[in-house]
Amino acid sequence: MLYDNRATVRRVLIITLLLNIFVLILKAIVGNLTGSLSLLADALHSITDSANNILGLVASRFSSPVPDREHPYGHQKFEAVGALGIAAFLGIACFEILQGAIERILYGGKTVRISAPELWILLVVLGVNIFVAFYERREGKRVGSAILVADATHTMSDIWVTMTVIAGLIGVWLGYQWFDIVLAFPVALMVFWSGWMVLKENLPWLVDEIAIAPETIHAIAISVPGVVNCHDIASRGVVGRQVFIEMHLIVDAGDIETAHHITEEVEKLLEEKFNPARILIHVEPPSYQSSQISY
């Protein structure tokens, strides 16, 4: 049975969008007041947070798991495409941060000044980021949403970025101006790493990478009484989100009804282990036996 999680996804994305806009405004204000390159870079990173939420809302609108005439396998790849959009935003943010840091080194810039109240504001920002990341990840895993988990990963990078920026500004507060420029580089690397992780988690869905080891599927099928041979097994999708399984099966049955009953038992076991799953079984005569489990 397919579960349509889009209402929950939209609610979570709207809540996090409002919180991310709040964080963005605070970072931009403090960044402009202090002249901190690393904090302004962090504010740029937060712009991508808000853009990601909007992108997620758009992707969720079109990512129904329920098939229709035009999309007989459902629409969930729209959500994976949205996650790839997040990775692209992170790549852009990484480039902007590095460019700003290199320009500051080559051409200089205004002196960074930070006060205790501004540091306290950044601690509030950090607290909001931590709440958003854990809330979004928890809800994403609960309803099986790739877009929420990807966005939570992005926000988690924002936590480390903000912590690095705060550490740098504390150094500036103590009189070490170079802290601000030096720490802009690890900020960029953290942003890049977050984008890579989002890309790594969603590409398998888009390129139809194997979802389940064929040996695992074979063992389950063979365990059903009446199954003589199972071969040419293929699977795609993401376990826990949606998987598609197909196989060729030879059964010990004297009539179609008995063969159908055996294949239903195989489907039942696979659905219990890998639900939600769509399974296609092609029954063949005994002469078609093969030792080739997969392609």
Protein backbone atom coordinates (compact mmCIF):
# COMPACT_ATOMS: atom_id res chain seq x y z
CA MET A 1 0.00 0.00 0.00
CA LEU A 2 1.34 3.43 -0.97
CA TYR A 3 1.36 6.20 1.60
CA ASP A 4 0.91 9.78 0.40
CA ASN A 5 3.03 11.89 2.79
CA ARG A 6 2.78 15.18 0.91
CA ALA A 7 0.51 16.98 3.40
CA THR A 8 2.99 16.34 6.23
CA VAL A 9 5.94 17.28 4.01
CA ARG A 10 4.33 20.58 3.06
CA ARG A 11 3.52 21.42 6.70
CA VAL A 12 7.09 20.74 7.83
CA LEU A 13 8.56 22.71 4.92
CA ILE A 14 6.38 25.75 5.64
CA ILE A 15 7.39 25.75 9.33
CA THR A 16 11.09 25.43 8.49
CA LEU A 17 10.80 28.07 5.76
CA LEU A 18 9.51 30.63 8.27
CA LEU A 19 12.27 29.74 10.76
CA ASN A 20 14.96 29.90 8.06
CA ILE A 21 13.79 33.35 6.97
CA PHE A 22 14.02 34.47 10.61
CA VAL A 23 17.58 33.08 10.83
CA LEU A 24 18.55 34.69 7.52
CA ILE A 25 17.40 38.12 8.67
CA LEU A 26 19.35 37.88 11.93
CA LYS A 27 22.54 36.74 10.18
CA ALA A 28 22.30 39.45 7.53
CA ILE A 29 21.77 42.19 10.15
CA VAL A 30 24.68 41.07 12.34
CA GLY A 31 26.87 40.42 9.29
CA ASN A 32 26.35 43.94 7.97
CA LEU A 33 26.88 45.50 11.40
CA THR A 34 30.14 43.62 12.01
CA GLY A 35 31.49 43.41 8.45
CA SER A 36 32.26 39.70 9.00
CA LEU A 37 32.99 37.84 5.76
CA SER A 38 32.35 34.42 7.30
CA LEU A 39 29.02 35.55 8.75
CA LEU A 40 27.88 37.10 5.47
CA ALA A 41 28.87 33.83 3.78
CA ASP A 42 26.79 32.02 6.39
CA ALA A 43 23.87 34.32 5.58
CA LEU A 44 24.28 33.38 1.92
CA HIS A 45 24.14 29.74 2.98
CA SER A 46 20.88 30.52 4.79
CA ILE A 47 19.43 32.00 1.60
CA THR A 48 19.84 28.54 0.09
CA ASP A 49 17.99 27.10 3.12
CA SER A 50 14.93 29.20 2.31
CA ALA A 51 15.25 28.52 -1.42
CA ASN A 52 15.48 24.79 -0.67
CA ASN A 53 12.26 24.93 1.34
CA ILE A 54 10.48 26.61 -1.56
CA LEU A 55 11.96 24.09 -3.99
CA GLY A 56 10.85 21.29 -1.69
CA LEU A 57 7.29 22.63 -1.65
CA VAL A 58 7.23 22.68 -5.45
CA ALA A 59 8.76 19.17 -5.72
CA SER A 60 6.35 17.79 -3.12
CA ARG A 61 3.43 19.17 -5.09
CA PHE A 62 4.31 16.87 -7.99
CA SER A 63 5.71 13.82 -6.13
CA SER A 64 2.56 11.77 -5.53
CA PRO A 65 3.33 8.04 -5.03
CA VAL A 66 -0.03 7.17 -6.60
CA PRO A 67 0.35 6.14 -10.28
CA ASP A 68 -1.75 7.58 -13.07
CA ARG A 69 -2.00 7.16 -16.84
CA GLU A 70 0.96 9.43 -17.62
CA HIS A 71 3.13 8.16 -14.73
CA PRO A 72 2.26 4.47 -14.14
CA TYR A 73 5.17 4.08 -11.71
CA GLY A 74 4.19 7.06 -9.56
CA HIS A 75 5.77 10.51 -9.35
CA GLN A 76 8.28 10.14 -6.51
CA LYS A 77 11.32 10.89 -8.67
CA PHE A 78 10.15 14.51 -8.62
CA GLU A 79 11.17 14.54 -4.96
CA ALA A 80 14.62 13.17 -5.80
CA VAL A 81 14.97 15.87 -8.48
CA GLY A 82 14.13 18.44 -5.80
CA ALA A 83 16.88 17.00 -3.59
CA LEU A 84 19.34 17.38 -6.48
CA GLY A 85 18.29 21.02 -6.71
CA ILE A 86 19.35 21.38 -3.08
CA ALA A 87 22.77 19.93 -3.96
CA ALA A 88 23.09 22.50 -6.77
CA PHE A 89 22.26 25.36 -4.39
CA LEU A 90 24.94 24.10 -1.99
CA GLY A 91 27.50 24.05 -4.80
CA ILE A 92 26.71 27.66 -5.67
CA ALA A 93 26.98 28.70 -2.02
CA CYS A 94 30.38 26.97 -1.74
CA PHE A 95 31.69 28.88 -4.77
CA GLU A 96 30.43 32.23 -3.45
CA ILE A 97 32.05 31.68 -0.05
CA LEU A 98 35.44 30.77 -1.55
CA GLN A 99 35.31 33.70 -3.97
CA GLY A 100 34.60 36.15 -1.14
CA ALA A 101 37.42 34.79 1.02
CA ILE A 102 39.98 34.93 -1.80
CA GLU A 103 38.95 38.50 -2.70
CA ARG A 104 39.35 39.55 0.95
CA ILE A 105 42.87 38.04 1.02
CA LEU A 106 43.91 39.66 -2.27
CA TYR A 107 42.29 43.07 -1.95
CA GLY A 108 41.62 43.42 1.78
CA GLY A 109 38.42 44.70 3.37
CA LYS A 110 37.00 46.60 6.30
CA THR A 111 37.90 45.66 9.87
CA VAL A 112 35.53 43.23 11.53
CA ARG A 113 34.01 44.41 14.81
CA ILE A 114 31.87 42.22 17.05
CA SER A 115 30.19 42.86 20.41
CA ALA A 116 28.82 40.56 23.11
CA PRO A 117 25.13 41.21 22.22
CA GLU A 118 25.82 40.27 18.61
CA LEU A 119 27.42 37.03 19.73
CA TRP A 120 24.34 36.27 21.85
CA ILE A 121 22.13 36.82 18.79
CA LEU A 122 24.21 34.29 16.89
CA LEU A 123 23.71 31.77 19.70
CA VAL A 124 19.96 32.22 19.26
CA VAL A 125 20.43 31.59 15.54
CA LEU A 126 22.37 28.42 16.34
CA GLY A 127 19.57 27.20 18.60
CA VAL A 128 16.98 27.72 15.85
CA ASN A 129 19.16 25.86 13.35
CA ILE A 130 19.54 22.90 15.71
CA PHE A 131 15.77 22.72 16.23
CA VAL A 132 15.04 22.90 12.49
CA ALA A 133 17.58 20.20 11.59
CA PHE A 134 16.42 17.65 14.16
CA TYR A 135 12.72 18.40 13.65
CA GLU A 136 12.98 18.08 9.87
CA ARG A 137 15.09 14.91 9.98
CA ARG A 138 12.76 13.26 12.50
CA GLU A 139 9.67 14.04 10.42
CA GLY A 140 11.43 13.07 7.18
CA LYS A 141 12.37 9.63 8.50
CA ARG A 142 8.93 9.15 10.05
CA VAL A 143 7.05 9.71 6.79
CA GLY A 144 9.81 8.50 4.43
CA SER A 145 10.42 11.82 2.68
CA ALA A 146 13.69 12.22 0.72
CA ILE A 147 13.22 15.96 0.38
CA LEU A 148 12.90 16.49 4.15
CA VAL A 149 15.90 14.28 4.97
CA ALA A 150 17.98 16.06 2.30
CA ASP A 151 16.95 19.48 3.57
CA ALA A 152 17.71 18.42 7.15
CA THR A 153 21.20 17.40 6.00
CA HIS A 154 21.61 20.84 4.50
CA THR A 155 20.45 22.49 7.73
CA MET A 156 22.79 20.25 9.73
CA SER A 157 25.65 21.69 7.69
CA ASP A 158 24.30 25.12 8.62
CA ILE A 159 24.75 24.22 12.30
CA TRP A 160 28.43 23.41 11.82
CA VAL A 161 28.90 26.48 9.66
CA THR A 162 27.32 28.74 12.27
CA MET A 163 29.40 27.15 15.06
CA THR A 164 32.56 27.76 13.00
CA VAL A 165 31.54 31.35 12.33
CA ILE A 166 30.84 31.98 16.02
CA ALA A 167 34.24 30.52 16.92
CA GLY A 168 35.87 32.82 14.37
CA LEU A 169 34.03 35.89 15.64
CA ILE A 170 35.04 35.08 19.21
CA GLY A 171 38.62 35.08 17.91
CA VAL A 172 37.99 38.47 16.25
CA TRP A 173 36.50 39.73 19.54
CA LEU A 174 39.77 38.70 21.21
CA GLY A 175 41.76 40.67 18.61
CA TYR A 176 42.60 38.11 15.91
CA GLN A 177 41.17 39.62 12.71
CA TRP A 178 42.55 36.85 10.48
CA PHE A 179 40.24 34.30 12.14
CA ASP A 180 37.33 35.56 10.08
CA ILE A 181 39.02 34.95 6.70
CA VAL A 182 40.70 31.67 7.63
CA LEU A 183 37.47 30.10 8.88
CA ALA A 184 35.63 31.02 5.69
CA PHE A 185 37.45 28.14 3.95
CA PRO A 186 36.27 25.30 6.24
CA VAL A 187 32.79 26.82 6.01
CA ALA A 188 32.94 26.36 2.23
CA LEU A 189 34.18 22.76 2.61
CA MET A 190 31.32 21.93 4.99
CA VAL A 191 28.83 23.32 2.50
CA PHE A 192 30.38 21.29 -0.32
CA TRP A 193 30.30 18.09 1.76
CA SER A 194 26.61 18.56 2.53
CA GLY A 195 25.85 18.91 -1.18
CA TRP A 196 27.83 15.77 -1.97
CA MET A 197 25.91 13.74 0.63
CA VAL A 198 22.55 14.89 -0.76
CA LEU A 199 23.70 13.95 -4.27
CA LYS A 200 24.97 10.56 -3.12
CA GLU A 201 21.69 9.67 -1.39
CA ASN A 202 19.40 10.58 -4.31
CA LEU A 203 21.26 9.57 -7.48
CA PRO A 204 20.53 5.82 -6.99
CA TRP A 205 16.81 6.56 -7.22
CA LEU A 206 17.17 8.58 -10.43
CA VAL A 207 19.53 6.20 -12.26
CA ASP A 208 17.62 3.03 -11.25
CA GLU A 209 20.47 1.57 -9.22
CA ILE A 210 19.87 -1.86 -7.69
CA ALA A 211 17.70 -1.57 -4.57
CA ILE A 212 17.98 -5.09 -3.10
CA ALA A 213 20.67 -7.73 -3.56
CA PRO A 214 19.24 -10.35 -5.97
CA GLU A 215 20.57 -13.11 -3.70
CA THR A 216 18.31 -11.80 -0.91
CA ILE A 217 15.25 -11.84 -3.15
CA HIS A 218 16.20 -15.29 -4.45
CA ALA A 219 16.47 -16.72 -0.94
CA ILE A 220 13.01 -15.41 -0.02
CA ALA A 221 11.40 -16.74 -3.21
CA ILE A 222 13.01 -20.20 -2.94
CA SER A 223 11.82 -20.51 0.67
CA VAL A 224 8.20 -20.65 -0.53
CA PRO A 225 6.93 -24.24 -0.96
CA GLY A 226 6.35 -25.01 -4.63
CA VAL A 227 9.03 -22.69 -6.02
CA VAL A 228 11.46 -24.75 -8.13
CA ASN A 229 13.64 -22.04 -9.67
CA CYS A 230 13.99 -18.25 -9.53
CA HIS A 231 16.14 -16.28 -11.97
CA ASP A 232 16.60 -13.00 -13.88
CA ILE A 233 15.88 -10.97 -10.73
CA ALA A 234 15.97 -7.16 -10.91
CA SER A 235 15.07 -4.40 -8.49
CA ARG A 236 15.18 -0.61 -8.40
CA GLY A 237 14.01 2.23 -6.19
CA VAL A 238 14.85 2.91 -2.54
CA VAL A 239 13.94 0.51 0.25
CA GLY A 240 11.49 2.16 2.64
CA ARG A 241 10.41 4.69 0.02
CA GLN A 242 9.32 2.56 -2.95
CA VAL A 243 10.88 -0.48 -4.63
CA PHE A 244 10.08 -2.30 -7.85
CA ILE A 245 10.97 -6.00 -8.09
CA GLU A 246 10.70 -8.35 -11.05
CA MET A 247 11.73 -11.99 -11.52
CA HIS A 248 11.17 -15.15 -13.54
CA LEU A 249 9.76 -18.05 -11.53
CA ILE A 250 9.32 -21.77 -12.14
CA VAL A 251 6.82 -23.43 -9.84
CA ASP A 252 5.69 -26.98 -9.15
CA ALA A 253 2.05 -26.63 -10.12
CA GLY A 254 -0.33 -28.62 -12.26
CA ASP A 255 -2.71 -25.77 -12.99
CA ILE A 256 -2.76 -21.99 -13.29
CA GLU A 257 -4.65 -21.48 -10.04
CA THR A 258 -2.02 -23.33 -8.00
CA ALA A 259 0.80 -21.46 -9.76
CA HIS A 260 -0.95 -18.18 -9.01
CA HIS A 261 -1.28 -19.09 -5.33
CA ILE A 262 2.46 -19.84 -5.08
CA THR A 263 3.42 -16.53 -6.71
CA GLU A 264 1.10 -14.69 -4.34
CA GLU A 265 2.95 -16.25 -1.40
CA VAL A 266 6.25 -15.01 -2.85
CA GLU A 267 4.78 -11.51 -3.29
CA LYS A 268 3.44 -11.55 0.28
CA LEU A 269 6.85 -12.35 1.80
CA LEU A 270 8.63 -9.72 -0.31
CA GLU A 271 6.04 -7.06 0.53
CA GLU A 272 6.33 -7.83 4.24
CA LYS A 273 10.09 -7.27 4.10
CA PHE A 274 10.39 -4.42 1.58
CA ASN A 275 7.04 -2.60 1.70
CA PRO A 276 6.07 -0.45 -0.15
CA ALA A 277 6.90 -2.64 -3.14
CA ARG A 278 5.50 -3.37 -6.58
CA ILE A 279 6.36 -6.89 -7.72
CA LEU A 280 6.15 -8.46 -11.17
CA ILE A 281 6.56 -12.25 -11.45
CA HIS A 282 6.80 -14.03 -14.82
CA VAL A 283 5.96 -17.73 -14.47
CA GLU A 284 7.80 -20.04 -16.88
CA PRO A 285 7.73 -23.77 -17.75
CA PRO A 286 10.28 -26.19 -16.19
CA SER A 287 12.46 -26.24 -19.33
CA TYR A 288 13.32 -22.56 -18.71
CA GLN A 289 15.28 -23.26 -15.51
CA SER A 290 18.37 -21.07 -15.14
CA SER A 291 21.17 -20.62 -12.63
CA GLN A 292 21.50 -16.96 -13.57
CA ILE A 293 19.98 -15.26 -10.53
CA SER A 294 20.39 -11.75 -11.88
CA TYR A 295 21.32 -9.96 -15.10
